[in-house]
Protein backbone atom coordinates (compact mmCIF):
# COMPACT_ATOMS: atom_id res chain seq x y z
CA UNK A 1 0.00 0.00 0.00
CA UNK A 2 1.48 3.38 -0.96
CA UNK A 3 2.28 5.84 1.81
CA UNK A 4 -0.27 8.46 0.69
CA UNK A 5 -3.06 5.87 1.05
CA UNK A 6 -1.88 5.02 4.57
CA UNK A 7 -1.89 8.72 5.50
CA UNK A 8 -5.41 9.20 4.11
CA UNK A 9 -6.57 6.09 5.97
CA UNK A 10 -5.16 7.42 9.27
CA UNK A 11 -6.80 10.81 8.71
CA UNK A 12 -10.15 9.10 8.07
CA UNK A 13 -9.76 6.95 11.20
CA UNK A 14 -9.02 10.05 13.26
CA UNK A 15 -12.11 11.82 11.85
CA UNK A 16 -14.26 8.77 12.64
CA UNK A 17 -12.90 8.54 16.19
CA UNK A 18 -13.55 12.24 16.78
CA UNK A 19 -17.11 11.97 15.48
CA UNK A 20 -17.82 8.95 17.71
CA UNK A 21 -16.33 10.77 20.70
CA UNK A 22 -18.43 13.89 20.12
CA UNK A 23 -21.55 11.76 19.73
CA UNK A 24 -20.79 9.93 22.98
CA UNK A 25 -20.29 13.19 24.89
CA UNK A 26 -23.53 14.64 23.46
CA UNK A 27 -25.59 11.59 24.46
CA UNK A 28 -23.90 11.48 27.87
CA UNK A 29 -24.74 15.11 28.63
CA UNK A 30 -28.37 14.47 27.71
CA UNK A 31 -28.62 11.47 30.04
CA UNK A 32 -26.59 12.91 32.92
CA UNK A 33 -29.39 15.00 34.57
CA UNK A 34 -31.64 11.93 34.72
CA UNK A 35 -28.90 9.80 36.23
CA UNK A 36 -28.05 12.48 38.79
CA UNK A 37 -31.71 12.99 39.68
CA UNK A 38 -32.08 9.26 40.28
CA UNK A 39 -29.12 9.30 42.66
CA UNK A 40 -30.40 12.40 44.48
CA UNK A 41 -33.87 10.85 44.83
CA UNK A 42 -32.44 7.65 46.29
CA UNK A 43 -30.31 9.60 48.75
CA UNK A 44 -33.22 11.84 49.75
CA UNK A 45 -35.54 8.86 50.23
CA UNK A 46 -33.00 7.08 52.39
CA UNK A 47 -32.56 10.14 54.62
CA UNK A 48 -36.21 11.23 54.69
CA UNK A 49 -38.32 8.09 54.27
CA UNK A 50 -41.85 8.93 53.20
CA UNK A 51 -43.41 5.91 54.92
CA UNK A 52 -42.36 6.85 58.44
CA UNK A 53 -44.44 9.64 59.98
CA UNK A 54 -42.60 12.24 61.99
CA UNK A 55 -43.77 12.37 65.59
CA UNK A 56 -43.60 15.51 67.68
CA UNK A 57 -42.52 14.83 71.28
CA UNK A 58 -45.03 15.46 74.02
CA UNK A 59 -44.45 18.49 76.22
CA UNK A 60 -43.84 16.33 79.28
CA UNK A 61 -41.08 14.46 77.41
CA UNK A 62 -39.02 17.61 77.04
CA UNK A 63 -36.38 17.56 79.76
CA UNK A 64 -33.91 20.27 80.81
CA UNK A 65 -35.55 23.03 78.88
CA UNK A 66 -34.41 26.25 80.51
CA UNK A 67 -36.01 28.77 78.22
CA UNK A 68 -38.51 28.39 75.44
CA UNK A 69 -37.01 28.93 72.02
CA UNK A 70 -39.20 30.12 69.24
CA UNK A 71 -38.26 28.52 65.96
CA UNK A 72 -40.14 29.78 62.96
CA UNK A 73 -39.48 28.03 59.74
CA UNK A 74 -41.46 27.83 56.57
CA UNK A 75 -43.16 24.49 56.08
CA UNK A 76 -41.41 22.26 53.56
CA UNK A 77 -43.44 22.32 50.37
CA UNK A 78 -43.19 19.43 47.97
CA UNK A 79 -41.73 20.08 44.52
CA UNK A 80 -44.39 21.03 41.96
CA UNK A 81 -43.21 18.18 39.72
CA UNK A 82 -40.60 15.47 39.95
CA UNK A 83 -37.14 16.77 39.13
CA UNK A 84 -38.17 20.42 39.46
CA UNK A 85 -35.08 21.43 41.45
CA UNK A 86 -32.82 20.22 38.64
CA UNK A 87 -34.51 22.34 35.97
CA UNK A 88 -33.09 25.66 34.85
CA UNK A 89 -35.17 28.81 34.77
CA UNK A 90 -35.66 28.67 31.00
CA UNK A 91 -36.71 25.02 31.20
CA UNK A 92 -39.33 25.90 33.81
CA UNK A 93 -40.61 28.77 31.66
CA UNK A 94 -41.04 26.27 28.80
CA UNK A 95 -42.80 23.89 31.21
CA UNK A 96 -45.19 26.64 32.29
CA UNK A 97 -46.54 26.91 28.75
CA UNK A 98 -48.01 23.42 29.01
CA UNK A 99 -49.41 23.32 32.58
CA UNK A 100 -52.77 24.26 34.05
CA UNK A 101 -53.48 27.39 36.08
CA UNK A 102 -53.36 25.43 39.34
CA UNK A 103 -49.98 23.93 38.49
CA UNK A 104 -48.69 27.40 37.54
CA UNK A 105 -49.83 28.71 40.94
CA UNK A 106 -48.09 25.79 42.66
CA UNK A 107 -44.88 26.52 40.75
CA UNK A 108 -45.13 30.22 41.66
CA UNK A 109 -45.68 29.43 45.36
CA UNK A 110 -42.79 26.94 45.42
CA UNK A 111 -40.49 29.38 43.63
CA UNK A 112 -41.37 32.18 46.09
CA UNK A 113 -40.44 30.03 49.07
CA UNK A 114 -37.33 28.39 47.61
CA UNK A 115 -35.23 29.71 44.72
CA UNK A 116 -37.02 33.05 44.24
CA UNK A 117 -36.09 33.37 40.54
CA UNK A 118 -37.72 36.47 39.08
CA UNK A 119 -37.89 34.98 35.55
CA UNK A 120 -39.86 31.95 36.73
CA UNK A 121 -42.13 33.89 39.06
CA UNK A 122 -43.08 36.44 36.39
CA UNK A 123 -43.70 33.68 33.83
CA UNK A 124 -45.90 31.81 36.33
CA UNK A 125 -47.82 34.98 37.21
CA UNK A 126 -48.45 35.76 33.57
CA UNK A 127 -49.54 32.16 33.03
CA UNK A 128 -52.27 32.17 35.67
CA UNK A 129 -53.16 35.83 35.06
CA UNK A 130 -53.95 35.07 31.39
CA UNK A 131 -56.34 32.20 32.10
């Protein structure tokens, strides 16, 4: 085989390898959020099991309380949809175009108490203000 054919063959092999590598990276980046969300969900479920109810201790069970402490925290609101916390603002705005008015209100309420992104809140307000 002449040397110029070998060189052309190597160049073609390099182009093919690069194309396969770029394709693999593109597919991997598309699947990565789903994989990460699965891992986060498993970790969250192992730390906060849904099946076990949380029990508040009785007042007589509290021992060595010297002074009452007032703790005010916002109640934990469930995500409006599964995987919501992994979505970007623009992805949520796109999602808002296909949800009902009630779901838009839920997204607005969740966003106000958590991430407080102005883009998402204004899109949610315009969504349930239009209907």
